[in-house]
C-alpha cells in the first residue's frame, strides 16, 4: 500500500473515532436516556466537548476532499514524493487541529487548517500538472 493510502486510512480511522470523547461528555452531562433521545430542553455540552464536536464536523468535511484527491492521485498514477509528504503533513496537521480546536487555541487551529488546505492543494497540483 502506498504512503498516501496509508495516511488516508489513518486519517479516516482518526475521524471515525472523534465522536467518542464528546459523546461520553454528552452522556455524563445529560444521562444515558436523555443522550439517546430528543429532550426538549437539553443540557449543553461542556465547552471543550462542543468545540470537539465542531472539529469533528470540520474533519468530516475535509476528509471528503482529501480522500477524493488521494484516490484520484493514486488511480491516475500521479502519486509521488510530494503527495506522500503532503499526506503525512495533512495527517499531523489534522491531529493538531483537533487538539487546538478542542482546547480553544485559535491561532494554532487556523494555522493547521491552512496547512491542511495547502496539503490538499499540493495533491491537486500533482494530479493536474
N, C-alpha and C. Protein backbone atom coordinates (compact mmCIF):
# COMPACT_ATOMS: atom_id res chain seq x y z
N UNK A 1 0.86 -1.18 0.00
CA UNK A 1 0.00 0.00 0.00
C UNK A 1 0.90 1.24 0.00
N UNK A 2 0.50 2.25 -0.75
CA UNK A 2 1.28 3.48 -0.83
C UNK A 2 1.17 4.29 0.45
N UNK A 3 2.10 5.20 0.62
CA UNK A 3 2.06 6.09 1.79
C UNK A 3 0.77 6.91 1.80
N UNK A 4 0.34 7.35 0.62
CA UNK A 4 -0.88 8.16 0.52
C UNK A 4 -2.09 7.38 1.03
N UNK A 5 -2.22 6.13 0.59
CA UNK A 5 -3.36 5.32 1.03
C UNK A 5 -3.26 4.97 2.51
N UNK A 6 -2.03 4.79 2.99
CA UNK A 6 -1.84 4.52 4.42
C UNK A 6 -2.31 5.71 5.25
N UNK A 7 -1.90 6.92 4.86
CA UNK A 7 -2.33 8.11 5.61
C UNK A 7 -3.83 8.36 5.45
N UNK A 8 -4.38 8.05 4.29
CA UNK A 8 -5.83 8.17 4.13
C UNK A 8 -6.56 7.22 5.07
N UNK A 9 -6.04 6.02 5.21
CA UNK A 9 -6.64 5.05 6.14
C UNK A 9 -6.55 5.55 7.57
N UNK A 10 -5.39 6.05 7.97
CA UNK A 10 -5.21 6.53 9.35
C UNK A 10 -6.08 7.74 9.65
N UNK A 11 -6.16 8.69 8.71
CA UNK A 11 -6.98 9.89 8.99
C UNK A 11 -8.46 9.52 8.98
N UNK A 12 -8.84 8.54 8.17
CA UNK A 12 -10.23 8.08 8.17
C UNK A 12 -10.58 7.44 9.51
N UNK A 13 -9.69 6.61 10.02
CA UNK A 13 -9.90 5.98 11.33
C UNK A 13 -9.94 7.02 12.44
N UNK A 14 -9.01 7.96 12.39
CA UNK A 14 -8.96 9.04 13.39
C UNK A 14 -10.27 9.82 13.39
N UNK A 15 -10.75 10.18 12.20
CA UNK A 15 -12.00 10.93 12.08
C UNK A 15 -13.19 10.10 12.55
N UNK A 16 -13.15 8.80 12.26
CA UNK A 16 -14.24 7.92 12.67
C UNK A 16 -14.35 7.78 14.18
N UNK A 17 -13.25 8.00 14.89
CA UNK A 17 -13.25 7.85 16.35
C UNK A 17 -13.45 9.16 17.12
N UNK A 18 -13.49 10.27 16.42
CA UNK A 18 -13.59 11.58 17.09
C UNK A 18 -14.87 11.77 17.89
N UNK A 19 -15.91 11.06 17.59
CA UNK A 19 -17.19 11.24 18.29
C UNK A 19 -17.16 10.73 19.72
N UNK A 20 -16.26 9.84 20.03
CA UNK A 20 -16.29 9.18 21.34
C UNK A 20 -16.14 10.11 22.54
N UNK A 21 -15.11 10.97 22.59
CA UNK A 21 -14.97 11.82 23.79
C UNK A 21 -16.15 12.75 24.02
N UNK A 22 -16.64 13.42 22.96
CA UNK A 22 -17.74 14.35 23.20
C UNK A 22 -19.05 13.62 23.46
N UNK A 23 -19.19 12.41 22.97
CA UNK A 23 -20.38 11.62 23.29
C UNK A 23 -20.36 11.17 24.74
N UNK A 24 -19.19 10.81 25.24
CA UNK A 24 -19.09 10.48 26.67
C UNK A 24 -19.44 11.68 27.54
N UNK A 25 -19.04 12.88 27.09
CA UNK A 25 -19.42 14.09 27.82
C UNK A 25 -20.93 14.29 27.76
N UNK A 26 -21.52 14.05 26.61
CA UNK A 26 -22.96 14.16 26.45
C UNK A 26 -23.69 13.24 27.43
N UNK A 27 -23.22 12.02 27.54
CA UNK A 27 -23.83 11.06 28.47
C UNK A 27 -23.64 11.50 29.92
N UNK A 28 -22.45 12.00 30.24
CA UNK A 28 -22.21 12.42 31.63
C UNK A 28 -23.00 13.66 32.00
N UNK A 29 -23.25 14.55 31.04
CA UNK A 29 -23.99 15.78 31.31
C UNK A 29 -25.50 15.52 31.35
N UNK A 30 -26.00 14.75 30.41
CA UNK A 30 -27.44 14.57 30.27
C UNK A 30 -27.96 13.26 30.83
N UNK A 31 -27.09 12.29 31.00
CA UNK A 31 -27.53 10.95 31.36
C UNK A 31 -27.78 10.14 30.09
N UNK A 32 -27.74 8.84 30.22
CA UNK A 32 -27.83 7.97 29.05
C UNK A 32 -29.16 8.11 28.31
N UNK A 33 -30.26 8.13 29.04
CA UNK A 33 -31.58 8.19 28.39
C UNK A 33 -31.74 9.50 27.62
N UNK A 34 -31.39 10.61 28.24
CA UNK A 34 -31.51 11.91 27.55
C UNK A 34 -30.51 12.01 26.40
N UNK A 35 -29.37 11.35 26.53
CA UNK A 35 -28.35 11.41 25.47
C UNK A 35 -28.80 10.70 24.21
N UNK A 36 -29.62 9.66 24.36
CA UNK A 36 -30.05 8.91 23.17
C UNK A 36 -31.47 9.28 22.72
N UNK A 37 -32.05 10.28 23.37
CA UNK A 37 -33.38 10.72 22.98
C UNK A 37 -33.31 12.17 22.48
N UNK A 38 -34.45 12.77 22.34
CA UNK A 38 -34.54 14.15 21.86
C UNK A 38 -35.23 15.02 22.91
N UNK A 39 -34.50 15.38 23.98
CA UNK A 39 -35.13 16.20 25.02
C UNK A 39 -35.48 17.59 24.47
N UNK A 40 -36.56 18.16 24.99
CA UNK A 40 -36.99 19.47 24.52
C UNK A 40 -36.08 20.59 24.98
N UNK A 41 -35.48 20.44 26.15
CA UNK A 41 -34.58 21.46 26.67
C UNK A 41 -33.28 20.79 27.13
N UNK A 42 -32.43 20.39 26.18
CA UNK A 42 -31.23 19.62 26.56
C UNK A 42 -30.18 20.47 27.27
N UNK A 43 -29.47 19.83 28.19
CA UNK A 43 -28.35 20.49 28.85
C UNK A 43 -27.21 20.60 27.84
N UNK A 44 -26.48 21.71 27.86
CA UNK A 44 -25.40 21.88 26.88
C UNK A 44 -24.19 21.00 27.21
N UNK A 45 -23.43 20.70 26.17
CA UNK A 45 -22.16 20.00 26.35
C UNK A 45 -21.19 20.92 27.07
N UNK A 46 -20.16 20.34 27.65
CA UNK A 46 -19.06 21.15 28.18
C UNK A 46 -18.46 21.93 27.02
N UNK A 47 -17.92 23.11 27.25
CA UNK A 47 -17.36 23.90 26.15
C UNK A 47 -16.33 23.14 25.30
N UNK A 48 -15.45 22.36 25.94
CA UNK A 48 -14.46 21.61 25.17
C UNK A 48 -15.15 20.58 24.27
N UNK A 49 -16.21 19.95 24.77
CA UNK A 49 -16.91 18.92 24.01
C UNK A 49 -17.66 19.54 22.83
N UNK A 50 -18.24 20.71 23.04
CA UNK A 50 -18.92 21.40 21.94
C UNK A 50 -17.92 21.77 20.84
N UNK A 51 -16.73 22.23 21.26
CA UNK A 51 -15.70 22.56 20.27
C UNK A 51 -15.21 21.30 19.55
N UNK A 52 -15.07 20.20 20.29
CA UNK A 52 -14.62 18.95 19.66
C UNK A 52 -15.65 18.46 18.65
N UNK A 53 -16.92 18.63 18.97
CA UNK A 53 -17.97 18.23 18.03
C UNK A 53 -17.88 19.06 16.75
N UNK A 54 -17.59 20.35 16.88
CA UNK A 54 -17.41 21.20 15.70
C UNK A 54 -16.16 20.79 14.92
N UNK A 55 -15.10 20.44 15.63
CA UNK A 55 -13.87 19.99 14.98
C UNK A 55 -14.13 18.69 14.21
N UNK A 56 -14.95 17.83 14.77
CA UNK A 56 -15.29 16.57 14.11
C UNK A 56 -16.04 16.85 12.81
N UNK A 57 -17.00 17.75 12.85
CA UNK A 57 -17.74 18.11 11.63
C UNK A 57 -16.79 18.68 10.58
N UNK A 58 -15.86 19.52 11.01
CA UNK A 58 -14.87 20.09 10.09
C UNK A 58 -13.98 18.99 9.51
N UNK A 59 -13.60 18.03 10.33
CA UNK A 59 -12.76 16.93 9.87
C UNK A 59 -13.48 16.09 8.82
N UNK A 60 -14.77 15.85 9.03
CA UNK A 60 -15.55 15.07 8.05
C UNK A 60 -15.61 15.82 6.72
N UNK A 61 -15.87 17.12 6.77
CA UNK A 61 -15.94 17.92 5.55
C UNK A 61 -14.62 17.86 4.78
N UNK A 62 -13.51 17.97 5.49
CA UNK A 62 -12.21 17.96 4.84
C UNK A 62 -11.77 16.57 4.41
N UNK A 63 -12.23 15.54 5.10
CA UNK A 63 -11.89 14.17 4.73
C UNK A 63 -12.43 13.83 3.34
N UNK A 64 -13.60 14.34 3.02
CA UNK A 64 -14.18 14.08 1.70
C UNK A 64 -13.26 14.61 0.61
N UNK A 65 -12.78 15.82 0.77
CA UNK A 65 -11.89 16.43 -0.22
C UNK A 65 -10.55 15.70 -0.26
N UNK A 66 -9.97 15.48 0.91
CA UNK A 66 -8.68 14.80 0.99
C UNK A 66 -8.76 13.40 0.40
N UNK A 67 -9.78 12.66 0.77
CA UNK A 67 -9.94 11.30 0.26
C UNK A 67 -10.10 11.26 -1.24
N UNK A 68 -10.90 12.16 -1.79
CA UNK A 68 -11.08 12.20 -3.24
C UNK A 68 -9.77 12.51 -3.95
N UNK A 69 -9.00 13.45 -3.40
CA UNK A 69 -7.72 13.80 -4.02
C UNK A 69 -6.72 12.65 -3.94
N UNK A 70 -6.64 12.00 -2.79
CA UNK A 70 -5.71 10.87 -2.63
C UNK A 70 -6.08 9.74 -3.59
N UNK A 71 -7.35 9.42 -3.67
CA UNK A 71 -7.77 8.35 -4.57
C UNK A 71 -7.56 8.72 -6.03
N UNK A 72 -7.78 9.98 -6.38
CA UNK A 72 -7.52 10.42 -7.76
C UNK A 72 -6.03 10.36 -8.08
N UNK A 73 -5.20 10.79 -7.15
CA UNK A 73 -3.75 10.72 -7.37
C UNK A 73 -3.29 9.28 -7.51
N UNK A 74 -3.82 8.42 -6.66
CA UNK A 74 -3.43 7.00 -6.70
C UNK A 74 -3.87 6.34 -8.01
N UNK A 75 -5.12 6.54 -8.38
CA UNK A 75 -5.64 5.86 -9.57
C UNK A 75 -5.07 6.40 -10.87
N UNK A 76 -4.64 7.67 -10.87
CA UNK A 76 -4.06 8.26 -12.08
C UNK A 76 -2.55 8.08 -12.14
N UNK A 77 -1.96 7.55 -11.09
CA UNK A 77 -0.51 7.38 -11.06
C UNK A 77 0.24 8.67 -10.80
N UNK A 78 -0.46 9.67 -10.28
CA UNK A 78 0.16 10.97 -10.02
C UNK A 78 0.82 11.02 -8.65
N UNK A 79 0.73 9.95 -7.89
CA UNK A 79 1.35 9.97 -6.56
C UNK A 79 2.87 9.92 -6.70
N UNK A 80 3.52 10.71 -5.87
CA UNK A 80 4.98 10.82 -5.89
C UNK A 80 5.44 11.26 -4.50
N UNK A 81 6.68 11.67 -4.39
CA UNK A 81 7.20 12.09 -3.08
C UNK A 81 6.43 13.29 -2.53
N UNK A 82 6.04 14.21 -3.40
CA UNK A 82 5.30 15.39 -2.95
C UNK A 82 3.94 15.01 -2.37
N UNK A 83 3.25 14.08 -3.01
CA UNK A 83 1.94 13.67 -2.49
C UNK A 83 2.09 12.86 -1.20
N UNK A 84 3.14 12.07 -1.11
CA UNK A 84 3.38 11.29 0.11
C UNK A 84 3.66 12.22 1.30
N UNK A 85 4.50 13.23 1.07
CA UNK A 85 4.80 14.19 2.14
C UNK A 85 3.55 15.00 2.49
N UNK A 86 2.79 15.41 1.47
CA UNK A 86 1.56 16.18 1.71
C UNK A 86 0.58 15.37 2.56
N UNK A 87 0.48 14.09 2.31
CA UNK A 87 -0.43 13.24 3.09
C UNK A 87 0.03 13.10 4.53
N UNK A 88 1.33 12.95 4.73
CA UNK A 88 1.86 12.85 6.10
C UNK A 88 1.63 14.15 6.86
N UNK A 89 1.93 15.26 6.21
CA UNK A 89 1.74 16.57 6.86
C UNK A 89 0.26 16.80 7.14
N UNK A 90 -0.60 16.44 6.18
CA UNK A 90 -2.04 16.58 6.37
C UNK A 90 -2.50 15.82 7.60
N UNK A 91 -2.06 14.57 7.74
CA UNK A 91 -2.46 13.76 8.89
C UNK A 91 -2.11 14.45 10.20
N UNK A 92 -0.86 14.88 10.33
CA UNK A 92 -0.44 15.51 11.59
C UNK A 92 -1.08 16.87 11.79
N UNK A 93 -1.29 17.61 10.71
CA UNK A 93 -1.97 18.91 10.83
C UNK A 93 -3.39 18.73 11.35
N UNK A 94 -4.08 17.70 10.86
CA UNK A 94 -5.45 17.46 11.31
C UNK A 94 -5.49 16.96 12.76
N UNK A 95 -4.50 16.20 13.17
CA UNK A 95 -4.43 15.77 14.58
C UNK A 95 -4.26 16.99 15.49
N UNK A 96 -3.34 17.87 15.11
CA UNK A 96 -3.10 19.09 15.90
C UNK A 96 -4.32 20.00 15.84
N UNK A 97 -4.98 20.05 14.67
CA UNK A 97 -6.18 20.87 14.50
C UNK A 97 -7.26 20.45 15.50
N UNK A 98 -7.46 19.15 15.65
CA UNK A 98 -8.46 18.67 16.61
C UNK A 98 -8.13 19.12 18.02
N UNK A 99 -6.88 18.98 18.41
CA UNK A 99 -6.48 19.39 19.77
C UNK A 99 -6.62 20.90 19.96
N UNK A 100 -6.17 21.67 18.97
CA UNK A 100 -6.26 23.13 19.07
C UNK A 100 -7.71 23.59 19.11
N UNK A 101 -8.56 22.98 18.31
CA UNK A 101 -9.98 23.32 18.29
C UNK A 101 -10.62 22.96 19.63
N UNK A 102 -10.33 21.76 20.12
CA UNK A 102 -10.92 21.28 21.37
C UNK A 102 -10.52 22.15 22.56
N UNK A 103 -9.25 22.54 22.61
CA UNK A 103 -8.76 23.32 23.75
C UNK A 103 -8.85 24.83 23.51
N UNK A 104 -9.46 25.24 22.41
CA UNK A 104 -9.72 26.65 22.16
C UNK A 104 -8.48 27.49 21.90
N UNK A 105 -7.58 27.00 21.06
CA UNK A 105 -6.36 27.73 20.71
C UNK A 105 -6.52 28.20 19.26
N UNK A 106 -7.08 29.41 19.06
CA UNK A 106 -7.48 29.82 17.72
C UNK A 106 -6.34 29.94 16.70
N UNK A 107 -5.21 30.48 17.07
CA UNK A 107 -4.14 30.68 16.08
C UNK A 107 -3.59 29.35 15.58
N UNK A 108 -3.42 28.41 16.47
CA UNK A 108 -2.94 27.08 16.07
C UNK A 108 -4.01 26.38 15.23
N UNK A 109 -5.25 26.50 15.66
CA UNK A 109 -6.35 25.89 14.90
C UNK A 109 -6.38 26.41 13.47
N UNK A 110 -6.30 27.72 13.32
CA UNK A 110 -6.34 28.32 11.99
C UNK A 110 -5.12 27.93 11.16
N UNK A 111 -3.96 27.96 11.78
CA UNK A 111 -2.72 27.61 11.06
C UNK A 111 -2.76 26.16 10.58
N UNK A 112 -3.22 25.25 11.42
CA UNK A 112 -3.25 23.85 11.00
C UNK A 112 -4.31 23.60 9.93
N UNK A 113 -5.39 24.36 9.97
CA UNK A 113 -6.39 24.26 8.90
C UNK A 113 -5.78 24.70 7.58
N UNK A 114 -5.05 25.81 7.60
CA UNK A 114 -4.42 26.31 6.38
C UNK A 114 -3.36 25.34 5.87
N UNK A 115 -2.59 24.75 6.78
CA UNK A 115 -1.60 23.74 6.38
C UNK A 115 -2.31 22.57 5.70
N UNK A 116 -3.41 22.12 6.27
CA UNK A 116 -4.17 21.02 5.66
C UNK A 116 -4.67 21.38 4.28
N UNK A 117 -5.15 22.62 4.12
CA UNK A 117 -5.59 23.07 2.80
C UNK A 117 -4.42 23.08 1.82
N UNK A 118 -3.26 23.53 2.28
CA UNK A 118 -2.07 23.53 1.43
C UNK A 118 -1.70 22.12 0.99
N UNK A 119 -1.87 21.17 1.87
CA UNK A 119 -1.60 19.76 1.51
C UNK A 119 -2.58 19.28 0.45
N UNK A 120 -3.84 19.65 0.59
CA UNK A 120 -4.83 19.29 -0.42
C UNK A 120 -4.48 19.94 -1.76
N UNK A 121 -4.06 21.20 -1.73
CA UNK A 121 -3.68 21.90 -2.96
C UNK A 121 -2.46 21.25 -3.60
N UNK A 122 -1.52 20.80 -2.79
CA UNK A 122 -0.33 20.13 -3.31
C UNK A 122 -0.70 18.85 -4.05
N UNK A 123 -1.58 18.06 -3.46
CA UNK A 123 -2.01 16.82 -4.10
C UNK A 123 -2.76 17.14 -5.40
N UNK A 124 -3.64 18.13 -5.35
CA UNK A 124 -4.39 18.52 -6.55
C UNK A 124 -3.44 18.98 -7.66
N UNK A 125 -2.42 19.73 -7.29
CA UNK A 125 -1.46 20.21 -8.29
C UNK A 125 -0.72 19.04 -8.94
N UNK A 126 -0.38 18.04 -8.16
CA UNK A 126 0.32 16.87 -8.72
C UNK A 126 -0.58 16.10 -9.69
N UNK A 127 -1.86 16.10 -9.43
CA UNK A 127 -2.81 15.42 -10.32
C UNK A 127 -2.96 16.20 -11.62
N UNK A 128 -3.05 17.52 -11.51
CA UNK A 128 -3.35 18.36 -12.67
C UNK A 128 -2.14 18.71 -13.52
N UNK A 129 -0.96 18.61 -12.94
CA UNK A 129 0.24 19.02 -13.69
C UNK A 129 0.80 17.85 -14.47
